[in-house]
Amino acid sequence: MAVLRTVGVSLGHRDLASADHWILDLDVRPVLACTHLVAEPHRHVAISLTTAAAYESAPGLEQAAESAAAGKFGRAVIFPGVEDLVGMLTAGEIRERSAIDRVEVLGSGVADDDARVDTRDFVRPQYRDGELILTTTPAAGGVLVPFESREPTPCCANH
């Protein structure tokens, strides 16, 4: 049986989408994969993986990889139960089906267990104080949607 460990890898991904694609294209699916924004030696996205596989970082980015592996905060791309978070679910169902500890409404606190969440088939919770938390925001029809969307509007898009 393979031994799982948390490893960091840094390939210089400039944005979250490219890091997500790299993670989702891995031949050996990790148990947990998170992205981490790092500033050294330049701003980019490093990745932590809980896996039995080994990965090499790009030359000069080894410190960023170590930082990602040791990080207490991260944006989860792969986590237990992620594949079950599709369509319309309640906040309680999200917690029951996955490793997500809490569903929050941006600026309003914890969502009620019966609050309906349209996952839009894209869920990227964040680790905060040791808990995996999905932040949502109110949407049309009285439902909640994940705060992060698959195709975000660029900042200042209308300027």
N, C-alpha and C. Protein backbone atom coordinates (compact mmCIF):
# COMPACT_ATOMS: atom_id res chain seq x y z
N MET A 1 0.84 -1.19 0.00
CA MET A 1 0.00 0.00 0.00
C MET A 1 0.89 1.25 0.00
N ALA A 2 0.55 2.20 -0.86
CA ALA A 2 1.33 3.42 -1.00
C ALA A 2 1.15 4.32 0.22
N VAL A 3 2.23 4.99 0.57
CA VAL A 3 2.20 5.91 1.70
C VAL A 3 1.86 7.31 1.19
N LEU A 4 0.83 7.91 1.77
CA LEU A 4 0.44 9.28 1.40
C LEU A 4 1.25 10.27 2.21
N ARG A 5 1.62 11.36 1.55
CA ARG A 5 2.31 12.45 2.24
C ARG A 5 1.94 13.74 1.54
N THR A 6 2.12 14.84 2.22
CA THR A 6 1.84 16.15 1.62
C THR A 6 3.14 16.68 1.02
N VAL A 7 3.06 16.99 -0.27
CA VAL A 7 4.22 17.52 -0.98
C VAL A 7 3.82 18.85 -1.62
N GLY A 8 4.81 19.67 -1.85
CA GLY A 8 4.59 20.93 -2.55
C GLY A 8 5.21 20.86 -3.92
N VAL A 9 4.60 21.56 -4.85
CA VAL A 9 5.16 21.66 -6.20
C VAL A 9 4.89 23.08 -6.69
N SER A 10 5.89 23.65 -7.35
CA SER A 10 5.74 24.98 -7.90
C SER A 10 6.30 24.98 -9.31
N LEU A 11 5.42 25.26 -10.25
CA LEU A 11 5.80 25.26 -11.66
C LEU A 11 5.68 26.65 -12.28
N GLY A 12 5.37 27.65 -11.44
CA GLY A 12 5.28 29.02 -11.92
C GLY A 12 3.94 29.39 -12.53
N HIS A 13 2.88 28.65 -12.19
CA HIS A 13 1.56 29.00 -12.72
C HIS A 13 1.23 30.45 -12.38
N ARG A 14 0.81 31.20 -13.37
CA ARG A 14 0.53 32.63 -13.19
C ARG A 14 -0.87 32.89 -12.63
N ASP A 15 -1.79 31.92 -12.79
CA ASP A 15 -3.16 32.14 -12.32
C ASP A 15 -3.75 30.84 -11.78
N LEU A 16 -4.86 30.99 -11.06
CA LEU A 16 -5.51 29.83 -10.46
C LEU A 16 -6.02 28.85 -11.50
N ALA A 17 -6.56 29.36 -12.60
CA ALA A 17 -7.13 28.47 -13.63
C ALA A 17 -6.07 27.53 -14.19
N SER A 18 -4.88 28.04 -14.47
CA SER A 18 -3.84 27.16 -15.03
C SER A 18 -3.36 26.15 -13.99
N ALA A 19 -3.29 26.55 -12.72
CA ALA A 19 -2.93 25.60 -11.66
C ALA A 19 -4.02 24.54 -11.51
N ASP A 20 -5.29 24.95 -11.56
CA ASP A 20 -6.40 24.00 -11.49
C ASP A 20 -6.30 22.97 -12.61
N HIS A 21 -6.06 23.44 -13.83
CA HIS A 21 -5.98 22.53 -14.98
C HIS A 21 -4.84 21.52 -14.78
N TRP A 22 -3.71 21.98 -14.29
CA TRP A 22 -2.59 21.08 -14.05
C TRP A 22 -3.00 20.01 -13.03
N ILE A 23 -3.62 20.43 -11.95
CA ILE A 23 -4.06 19.49 -10.90
C ILE A 23 -5.04 18.48 -11.47
N LEU A 24 -6.04 18.96 -12.19
CA LEU A 24 -7.09 18.07 -12.70
C LEU A 24 -6.60 17.14 -13.81
N ASP A 25 -5.45 17.43 -14.40
CA ASP A 25 -4.87 16.59 -15.44
C ASP A 25 -3.87 15.56 -14.91
N LEU A 26 -3.65 15.53 -13.60
CA LEU A 26 -2.69 14.58 -13.04
C LEU A 26 -3.14 13.15 -13.32
N ASP A 27 -2.18 12.29 -13.66
CA ASP A 27 -2.48 10.88 -13.91
C ASP A 27 -2.85 10.15 -12.62
N VAL A 28 -2.17 10.49 -11.53
CA VAL A 28 -2.47 9.90 -10.23
C VAL A 28 -3.22 10.95 -9.44
N ARG A 29 -4.51 10.70 -9.22
CA ARG A 29 -5.35 11.68 -8.52
C ARG A 29 -4.96 11.76 -7.04
N PRO A 30 -4.61 12.96 -6.57
CA PRO A 30 -4.28 13.10 -5.15
C PRO A 30 -5.54 13.03 -4.29
N VAL A 31 -5.36 12.75 -3.01
CA VAL A 31 -6.48 12.75 -2.07
C VAL A 31 -6.92 14.19 -1.80
N LEU A 32 -5.94 15.08 -1.77
CA LEU A 32 -6.19 16.50 -1.52
C LEU A 32 -5.22 17.30 -2.38
N ALA A 33 -5.73 18.34 -3.02
CA ALA A 33 -4.88 19.24 -3.80
C ALA A 33 -5.35 20.66 -3.56
N CYS A 34 -4.42 21.51 -3.16
CA CYS A 34 -4.75 22.91 -2.87
C CYS A 34 -3.81 23.85 -3.61
N THR A 35 -4.33 25.01 -3.94
CA THR A 35 -3.51 26.07 -4.52
C THR A 35 -3.16 27.07 -3.43
N HIS A 36 -1.99 27.68 -3.60
CA HIS A 36 -1.50 28.65 -2.62
C HIS A 36 -0.86 29.81 -3.39
N LEU A 37 -1.28 31.02 -3.09
CA LEU A 37 -0.67 32.19 -3.70
C LEU A 37 0.62 32.49 -2.96
N VAL A 38 1.72 32.58 -3.70
CA VAL A 38 3.03 32.85 -3.10
C VAL A 38 3.65 34.06 -3.78
N ALA A 39 4.54 34.71 -3.06
CA ALA A 39 5.16 35.94 -3.60
C ALA A 39 6.63 35.77 -3.95
N GLU A 40 7.26 34.67 -3.51
CA GLU A 40 8.70 34.50 -3.73
C GLU A 40 8.97 33.34 -4.65
N PRO A 41 9.86 33.43 -5.55
CA PRO A 41 10.68 34.58 -5.88
C PRO A 41 9.91 35.61 -6.72
N HIS A 42 8.71 35.24 -7.17
CA HIS A 42 7.81 36.16 -7.86
C HIS A 42 6.38 35.67 -7.58
N ARG A 43 5.40 36.50 -7.84
CA ARG A 43 4.02 36.12 -7.57
C ARG A 43 3.58 35.01 -8.53
N HIS A 44 3.08 33.94 -7.95
CA HIS A 44 2.56 32.83 -8.74
C HIS A 44 1.74 31.90 -7.83
N VAL A 45 1.26 30.83 -8.41
CA VAL A 45 0.44 29.87 -7.66
C VAL A 45 1.25 28.60 -7.46
N ALA A 46 1.46 28.23 -6.21
CA ALA A 46 2.11 26.97 -5.87
C ALA A 46 1.02 25.99 -5.46
N ILE A 47 1.36 24.72 -5.36
CA ILE A 47 0.36 23.67 -5.15
C ILE A 47 0.83 22.74 -4.04
N SER A 48 -0.09 22.32 -3.19
CA SER A 48 0.19 21.25 -2.23
C SER A 48 -0.68 20.06 -2.60
N LEU A 49 -0.10 18.87 -2.48
CA LEU A 49 -0.79 17.63 -2.83
C LEU A 49 -0.62 16.61 -1.72
N THR A 50 -1.69 15.94 -1.35
CA THR A 50 -1.60 14.77 -0.48
C THR A 50 -1.69 13.58 -1.41
N THR A 51 -0.56 12.88 -1.56
CA THR A 51 -0.43 11.88 -2.61
C THR A 51 0.69 10.91 -2.28
N ALA A 52 0.73 9.82 -3.03
CA ALA A 52 1.85 8.89 -2.95
C ALA A 52 2.84 9.16 -4.07
N ALA A 53 2.47 9.99 -5.02
CA ALA A 53 3.32 10.30 -6.17
C ALA A 53 4.38 11.34 -5.80
N ALA A 54 5.39 11.43 -6.64
CA ALA A 54 6.46 12.42 -6.45
C ALA A 54 6.40 13.43 -7.58
N TYR A 55 6.69 14.69 -7.26
CA TYR A 55 6.66 15.76 -8.25
C TYR A 55 7.88 16.65 -8.07
N GLU A 56 8.36 17.19 -9.17
CA GLU A 56 9.50 18.10 -9.17
C GLU A 56 9.00 19.52 -9.41
N SER A 57 9.61 20.46 -8.73
CA SER A 57 9.30 21.88 -8.96
C SER A 57 10.23 22.42 -10.04
N ALA A 58 9.82 23.52 -10.62
CA ALA A 58 10.67 24.20 -11.60
C ALA A 58 11.91 24.73 -10.89
N PRO A 59 13.04 24.78 -11.57
CA PRO A 59 14.26 25.31 -10.95
C PRO A 59 14.03 26.72 -10.39
N GLY A 60 14.50 26.91 -9.16
CA GLY A 60 14.37 28.21 -8.51
C GLY A 60 13.06 28.41 -7.76
N LEU A 61 12.14 27.45 -7.87
CA LEU A 61 10.84 27.60 -7.20
C LEU A 61 10.65 26.60 -6.05
N GLU A 62 11.73 25.97 -5.63
CA GLU A 62 11.65 24.96 -4.58
C GLU A 62 11.14 25.54 -3.27
N GLN A 63 11.54 26.78 -2.93
CA GLN A 63 11.08 27.41 -1.68
C GLN A 63 9.58 27.65 -1.72
N ALA A 64 9.05 28.05 -2.85
CA ALA A 64 7.60 28.23 -2.98
C ALA A 64 6.88 26.91 -2.78
N ALA A 65 7.45 25.82 -3.29
CA ALA A 65 6.85 24.50 -3.12
C ALA A 65 6.85 24.10 -1.64
N GLU A 66 7.96 24.35 -0.96
CA GLU A 66 8.03 24.05 0.47
C GLU A 66 7.01 24.87 1.26
N SER A 67 6.85 26.12 0.88
CA SER A 67 5.88 27.00 1.54
C SER A 67 4.46 26.46 1.34
N ALA A 68 4.15 26.00 0.13
CA ALA A 68 2.82 25.45 -0.14
C ALA A 68 2.58 24.20 0.68
N ALA A 69 3.57 23.31 0.75
CA ALA A 69 3.41 22.06 1.49
C ALA A 69 3.20 22.31 2.98
N ALA A 70 3.81 23.36 3.51
CA ALA A 70 3.70 23.67 4.93
C ALA A 70 2.54 24.61 5.25
N GLY A 71 1.88 25.12 4.22
CA GLY A 71 0.85 26.13 4.41
C GLY A 71 -0.37 25.64 5.18
N LYS A 72 -0.87 26.49 6.03
CA LYS A 72 -2.08 26.18 6.79
C LYS A 72 -3.32 26.68 6.07
N PHE A 73 -3.13 27.46 5.03
CA PHE A 73 -4.25 27.99 4.26
C PHE A 73 -4.09 27.52 2.82
N GLY A 74 -5.19 27.29 2.18
CA GLY A 74 -5.14 26.87 0.79
C GLY A 74 -6.53 26.80 0.21
N ARG A 75 -6.59 26.87 -1.08
CA ARG A 75 -7.84 26.79 -1.83
C ARG A 75 -7.92 25.38 -2.38
N ALA A 76 -8.90 24.60 -1.92
CA ALA A 76 -8.99 23.18 -2.27
C ALA A 76 -9.60 23.00 -3.65
N VAL A 77 -8.90 22.25 -4.50
CA VAL A 77 -9.38 21.90 -5.83
C VAL A 77 -9.89 20.46 -5.82
N ILE A 78 -9.12 19.57 -5.22
CA ILE A 78 -9.54 18.18 -5.01
C ILE A 78 -9.56 17.94 -3.52
N PHE A 79 -10.66 17.37 -3.04
CA PHE A 79 -10.82 17.05 -1.63
C PHE A 79 -11.87 15.95 -1.53
N PRO A 80 -11.93 15.21 -0.44
CA PRO A 80 -12.91 14.13 -0.33
C PRO A 80 -14.34 14.64 -0.54
N GLY A 81 -15.04 13.99 -1.47
CA GLY A 81 -16.43 14.32 -1.75
C GLY A 81 -16.66 15.35 -2.82
N VAL A 82 -15.63 15.97 -3.36
CA VAL A 82 -15.81 17.03 -4.36
C VAL A 82 -16.66 16.55 -5.53
N GLU A 83 -16.51 15.29 -5.94
CA GLU A 83 -17.24 14.79 -7.10
C GLU A 83 -18.75 14.70 -6.84
N ASP A 84 -19.16 14.75 -5.59
CA ASP A 84 -20.59 14.68 -5.23
C ASP A 84 -21.24 16.06 -5.09
N LEU A 85 -20.49 17.12 -5.33
CA LEU A 85 -21.00 18.48 -5.14
C LEU A 85 -21.40 19.08 -6.48
N VAL A 86 -22.43 18.53 -7.08
CA VAL A 86 -22.95 19.02 -8.35
C VAL A 86 -24.43 19.37 -8.22
N GLY A 87 -24.83 20.34 -9.01
CA GLY A 87 -26.25 20.73 -9.03
C GLY A 87 -26.67 21.49 -7.79
N MET A 88 -27.95 21.38 -7.48
CA MET A 88 -28.55 22.07 -6.34
C MET A 88 -28.50 21.17 -5.11
N LEU A 89 -27.90 21.65 -4.04
CA LEU A 89 -27.79 20.92 -2.78
C LEU A 89 -28.10 21.87 -1.63
N THR A 90 -28.42 21.31 -0.49
CA THR A 90 -28.53 22.16 0.69
C THR A 90 -27.15 22.27 1.33
N ALA A 91 -26.98 23.28 2.18
CA ALA A 91 -25.71 23.44 2.89
C ALA A 91 -25.43 22.20 3.73
N GLY A 92 -26.46 21.62 4.33
CA GLY A 92 -26.30 20.39 5.11
C GLY A 92 -25.84 19.23 4.26
N GLU A 93 -26.38 19.10 3.05
CA GLU A 93 -25.95 18.03 2.15
C GLU A 93 -24.49 18.20 1.74
N ILE A 94 -24.08 19.42 1.52
CA ILE A 94 -22.68 19.70 1.16
C ILE A 94 -21.76 19.20 2.27
N ARG A 95 -22.11 19.49 3.50
CA ARG A 95 -21.28 19.06 4.64
C ARG A 95 -21.31 17.53 4.79
N GLU A 96 -22.47 16.92 4.55
CA GLU A 96 -22.59 15.46 4.68
C GLU A 96 -21.83 14.72 3.59
N ARG A 97 -21.81 15.25 2.39
CA ARG A 97 -21.24 14.56 1.23
C ARG A 97 -19.75 14.79 1.03
N SER A 98 -19.19 15.76 1.74
CA SER A 98 -17.80 16.13 1.45
C SER A 98 -17.04 16.46 2.73
N ALA A 99 -15.78 16.81 2.54
CA ALA A 99 -14.92 17.21 3.65
C ALA A 99 -15.14 18.65 4.09
N ILE A 100 -16.07 19.35 3.44
CA ILE A 100 -16.35 20.74 3.82
C ILE A 100 -16.96 20.77 5.22
N ASP A 101 -16.35 21.56 6.09
CA ASP A 101 -16.80 21.67 7.48
C ASP A 101 -17.92 22.66 7.67
N ARG A 102 -17.93 23.72 6.84
CA ARG A 102 -18.90 24.79 7.05
C ARG A 102 -19.18 25.50 5.73
N VAL A 103 -20.44 25.90 5.56
CA VAL A 103 -20.84 26.74 4.42
C VAL A 103 -21.19 28.09 5.01
N GLU A 104 -20.55 29.14 4.49
CA GLU A 104 -20.79 30.49 4.97
C GLU A 104 -21.37 31.35 3.86
N VAL A 105 -22.12 32.36 4.27
CA VAL A 105 -22.62 33.37 3.34
C VAL A 105 -21.75 34.60 3.55
N LEU A 106 -21.15 35.09 2.47
CA LEU A 106 -20.24 36.22 2.54
C LEU A 106 -20.87 37.38 3.32
N GLY A 107 -20.23 37.78 4.39
CA GLY A 107 -20.68 38.90 5.20
C GLY A 107 -21.85 38.61 6.12
N SER A 108 -22.33 37.36 6.15
CA SER A 108 -23.52 37.05 6.96
C SER A 108 -23.35 35.88 7.91
N GLY A 109 -22.24 35.20 7.88
CA GLY A 109 -22.03 34.09 8.80
C GLY A 109 -22.38 32.74 8.20
N VAL A 110 -22.63 31.78 9.07
CA VAL A 110 -22.86 30.39 8.67
C VAL A 110 -24.24 30.26 8.03
N ALA A 111 -24.29 29.52 6.92
CA ALA A 111 -25.56 29.26 6.23
C ALA A 111 -26.35 28.21 7.00
N ASP A 112 -27.67 28.35 7.02
CA ASP A 112 -28.53 27.33 7.61
C ASP A 112 -28.38 26.04 6.83
N ASP A 113 -28.52 24.91 7.51
CA ASP A 113 -28.38 23.62 6.84
C ASP A 113 -29.36 23.44 5.69
N ASP A 114 -30.53 24.07 5.77
CA ASP A 114 -31.53 23.90 4.70
C ASP A 114 -31.41 24.95 3.59
N ALA A 115 -30.42 25.83 3.67
CA ALA A 115 -30.19 26.83 2.62
C ALA A 115 -29.81 26.10 1.33
N ARG A 116 -30.45 26.47 0.22
CA ARG A 116 -30.17 25.84 -1.07
C ARG A 116 -28.95 26.50 -1.72
N VAL A 117 -28.06 25.66 -2.21
CA VAL A 117 -26.82 26.12 -2.86
C VAL A 117 -26.77 25.54 -4.26
N ASP A 118 -26.72 26.41 -5.26
CA ASP A 118 -26.51 25.98 -6.64
C ASP A 118 -25.00 25.93 -6.84
N THR A 119 -24.44 24.74 -6.83
CA THR A 119 -22.99 24.59 -6.88
C THR A 119 -22.39 25.02 -8.21
N ARG A 120 -23.23 25.07 -9.23
CA ARG A 120 -22.76 25.38 -10.59
C ARG A 120 -21.63 24.45 -10.99
N ASP A 121 -21.58 23.31 -10.31
CA ASP A 121 -20.59 22.26 -10.58
C ASP A 121 -19.15 22.76 -10.48
N PHE A 122 -18.94 23.74 -9.60
CA PHE A 122 -17.60 24.32 -9.40
C PHE A 122 -17.51 24.79 -7.95
N VAL A 123 -16.83 24.01 -7.13
CA VAL A 123 -16.75 24.29 -5.69
C VAL A 123 -15.28 24.37 -5.30
N ARG A 124 -14.85 25.53 -4.80
CA ARG A 124 -13.46 25.74 -4.38
C ARG A 124 -13.45 26.32 -2.96
N PRO A 125 -13.61 25.46 -1.95
CA PRO A 125 -13.54 25.95 -0.57
C PRO A 125 -12.12 26.31 -0.17
N GLN A 126 -11.99 27.01 0.94
CA GLN A 126 -10.70 27.45 1.44
C GLN A 126 -10.49 26.90 2.85
N TYR A 127 -9.24 26.52 3.14
CA TYR A 127 -8.90 26.15 4.51
C TYR A 127 -8.71 27.43 5.31
N ARG A 128 -9.35 27.45 6.47
CA ARG A 128 -9.21 28.58 7.38
C ARG A 128 -9.25 28.03 8.80
N ASP A 129 -8.21 28.29 9.58
CA ASP A 129 -8.11 27.81 10.95
C ASP A 129 -8.38 26.31 11.06
N GLY A 130 -7.85 25.55 10.09
CA GLY A 130 -7.98 24.10 10.13
C GLY A 130 -9.29 23.54 9.63
N GLU A 131 -10.21 24.41 9.19
CA GLU A 131 -11.50 23.97 8.68
C GLU A 131 -11.60 24.28 7.19
N LEU A 132 -12.28 23.42 6.47
CA LEU A 132 -12.53 23.64 5.05
C LEU A 132 -13.87 24.35 4.93
N ILE A 133 -13.84 25.58 4.42
CA ILE A 133 -15.02 26.45 4.42
C ILE A 133 -15.37 26.86 3.00
N LEU A 134 -16.63 26.65 2.64
CA LEU A 134 -17.14 27.11 1.35
C LEU A 134 -17.84 28.44 1.57
N THR A 135 -17.33 29.48 0.95
CA THR A 135 -17.96 30.79 1.02
C THR A 135 -18.92 30.92 -0.15
N THR A 136 -20.14 31.35 0.15
CA THR A 136 -21.17 31.53 -0.86
C THR A 136 -21.67 32.96 -0.84
N THR A 137 -22.47 33.29 -1.83
CA THR A 137 -23.08 34.60 -1.91
C THR A 137 -24.52 34.42 -2.40
N PRO A 138 -25.45 35.28 -1.99
CA PRO A 138 -26.83 35.16 -2.45
C PRO A 138 -26.94 35.39 -3.96
N ALA A 139 -27.86 34.66 -4.58
CA ALA A 139 -28.10 34.78 -6.02
C ALA A 139 -29.60 34.86 -6.27
N ALA A 140 -29.96 35.11 -7.51
CA ALA A 140 -31.38 35.19 -7.88
C ALA A 140 -32.11 33.91 -7.51
N GLY A 141 -33.36 34.05 -7.14
CA GLY A 141 -34.18 32.89 -6.80
C GLY A 141 -34.03 32.43 -5.37
N GLY A 142 -33.36 33.22 -4.55
CA GLY A 142 -33.23 32.87 -3.14
C GLY A 142 -32.25 31.75 -2.86
N VAL A 143 -31.34 31.48 -3.79
CA VAL A 143 -30.35 30.44 -3.57
C VAL A 143 -28.99 31.07 -3.30
N LEU A 144 -28.09 30.25 -2.85
CA LEU A 144 -26.70 30.66 -2.67
C LEU A 144 -25.88 30.04 -3.79
N VAL A 145 -24.78 30.70 -4.15
CA VAL A 145 -23.83 30.17 -5.12
C VAL A 145 -22.43 30.33 -4.54
N PRO A 146 -21.50 29.44 -4.92
CA PRO A 146 -20.13 29.62 -4.45
C PRO A 146 -19.60 31.00 -4.84
N PHE A 147 -18.87 31.61 -3.93
CA PHE A 147 -18.32 32.94 -4.19
C PHE A 147 -17.40 32.94 -5.40
N GLU A 148 -16.56 31.91 -5.51
CA GLU A 148 -15.67 31.81 -6.66
C GLU A 148 -16.41 31.10 -7.79
N SER A 149 -16.38 31.68 -8.96
CA SER A 149 -17.03 31.06 -10.11
C SER A 149 -15.98 30.52 -11.08
N ARG A 150 -16.42 29.62 -11.93
CA ARG A 150 -15.51 29.00 -12.90
C ARG A 150 -14.91 30.04 -13.85
N GLU A 151 -15.70 31.03 -14.25
CA GLU A 151 -15.24 32.07 -15.17
C GLU A 151 -15.52 33.44 -14.57
N PRO A 152 -14.64 33.89 -13.66
CA PRO A 152 -14.87 35.17 -12.99
C PRO A 152 -14.75 36.35 -13.95
N THR A 153 -15.48 37.40 -13.62
CA THR A 153 -15.37 38.64 -14.37
C THR A 153 -14.07 39.32 -13.96
N PRO A 154 -13.22 39.67 -14.90
CA PRO A 154 -11.96 40.33 -14.52
C PRO A 154 -12.25 41.66 -13.80
N CYS A 155 -11.39 41.99 -12.87
CA CYS A 155 -11.51 43.24 -12.14
C CYS A 155 -11.50 44.40 -13.15
N CYS A 156 -12.38 45.36 -12.92
CA CYS A 156 -12.46 46.55 -13.75
C CYS A 156 -12.81 46.23 -15.21
N ALA A 157 -13.59 45.17 -15.44
CA ALA A 157 -13.93 44.76 -16.80
C ALA A 157 -14.72 45.82 -17.56
N ASN A 158 -15.43 46.67 -16.84
CA ASN A 158 -16.26 47.69 -17.49
C ASN A 158 -15.57 49.03 -17.63
N HIS A 159 -14.29 49.08 -17.35
CA HIS A 159 -13.57 50.36 -17.41
C HIS A 159 -12.72 50.46 -18.64
